[in-house]
Protein backbone atom coordinates (compact mmCIF):
# COMPACT_ATOMS: atom_id res chain seq x y z
CA UNK A 1 50.59 60.33 124.52
CA UNK A 2 51.44 57.40 126.43
CA UNK A 3 54.54 55.57 127.68
CA UNK A 4 55.41 54.27 124.36
CA UNK A 5 55.61 57.78 122.93
CA UNK A 6 58.49 58.61 125.39
CA UNK A 7 60.30 55.35 125.04
CA UNK A 8 60.34 55.80 121.19
CA UNK A 9 61.80 59.49 121.46
CA UNK A 10 64.18 58.16 124.07
CA UNK A 11 65.04 55.63 121.45
CA UNK A 12 65.44 58.21 118.66
CA UNK A 13 67.67 60.41 121.09
CA UNK A 14 69.92 57.44 121.77
CA UNK A 15 69.99 56.87 117.77
CA UNK A 16 71.35 60.39 117.50
CA UNK A 17 73.97 59.83 120.16
CA UNK A 18 75.25 56.78 118.72
CA UNK A 19 75.60 58.55 115.52
CA UNK A 20 77.22 61.66 117.06
CA UNK A 21 79.74 59.07 118.51
CA UNK A 22 80.06 57.33 115.36
CA UNK A 23 78.99 54.01 116.65
CA UNK A 24 77.86 51.31 114.06
CA UNK A 25 75.07 50.26 116.31
CA UNK A 26 73.03 51.72 119.27
CA UNK A 27 74.74 50.78 122.66
CA UNK A 28 73.08 50.68 126.16
CA UNK A 29 74.94 53.59 127.24
CA UNK A 30 73.47 55.79 124.23
CA UNK A 31 69.79 54.55 125.77
CA UNK A 32 71.11 56.52 129.28
CA UNK A 33 72.15 59.44 127.12
CA UNK A 34 68.73 59.65 125.48
CA UNK A 35 67.11 59.15 128.97
CA UNK A 36 69.24 62.24 130.12
CA UNK A 37 68.41 64.43 126.80
CA UNK A 38 64.72 63.52 127.55
CA UNK A 39 65.11 64.65 131.03
CA UNK A 40 66.40 67.93 129.68
CA UNK A 41 63.58 68.59 127.35
CA UNK A 42 61.46 71.79 127.88
CA UNK A 43 57.88 72.60 127.58
CA UNK A 44 58.61 74.51 123.94
CA UNK A 45 60.69 71.52 122.82
CA UNK A 46 58.08 69.16 123.81
CA UNK A 47 55.46 71.55 121.70
CA UNK A 48 57.95 71.26 118.88
CA UNK A 49 58.09 67.35 119.25
CA UNK A 50 54.65 66.46 119.84
CA UNK A 51 52.55 69.38 118.58
CA UNK A 52 49.40 68.67 120.57
CA UNK A 53 48.45 70.52 123.44
CA UNK A 54 47.09 67.40 125.30
CA UNK A 55 50.05 65.33 124.31
CA UNK A 56 52.49 67.85 125.30
CA UNK A 57 50.84 68.11 128.76
CA UNK A 58 51.20 64.11 129.05
CA UNK A 59 54.95 64.55 127.88
CA UNK A 60 55.53 67.02 130.53
CA UNK A 61 54.08 65.08 133.22
CA UNK A 62 56.24 62.25 132.28
CA UNK A 63 59.32 64.47 132.03
CA UNK A 64 58.56 65.64 135.64
CA UNK A 65 58.07 62.40 137.11
CA UNK A 66 61.57 61.34 135.54
CA UNK A 67 63.14 64.47 137.04
CA UNK A 68 61.41 63.63 140.43
CA UNK A 69 62.81 60.09 140.28
CA UNK A 70 66.18 61.04 139.29
CA UNK A 71 66.19 63.63 142.14
CA UNK A 72 64.94 61.33 144.75
CA UNK A 73 67.88 58.93 143.55
CA UNK A 74 70.35 61.85 144.06
CA UNK A 75 71.52 61.63 140.47
CA UNK A 76 72.41 65.09 138.96
CA UNK A 77 71.79 64.67 135.47
CA UNK A 78 73.83 67.69 134.26
CA UNK A 79 76.67 66.18 135.87
CA UNK A 80 76.05 62.63 134.57
CA UNK A 81 76.84 63.85 131.04
């Protein structure tokens, strides 16, 4: 698992947001929403997405890092949506 894997997943989440909103193309706000969805992923969800134990640990570490950054920035992600 590397950073590009996380970015790819965030892109997929952004695409899902665009589809849900019936947009023709992905907009910057969809990437923000994808980032917030990425933040919410649990360990179990990571295992479903990634499957590999080592990769899951790396994924969880990236999510925890993002959570810390958002918390330090006083961004309350459940309220941001």
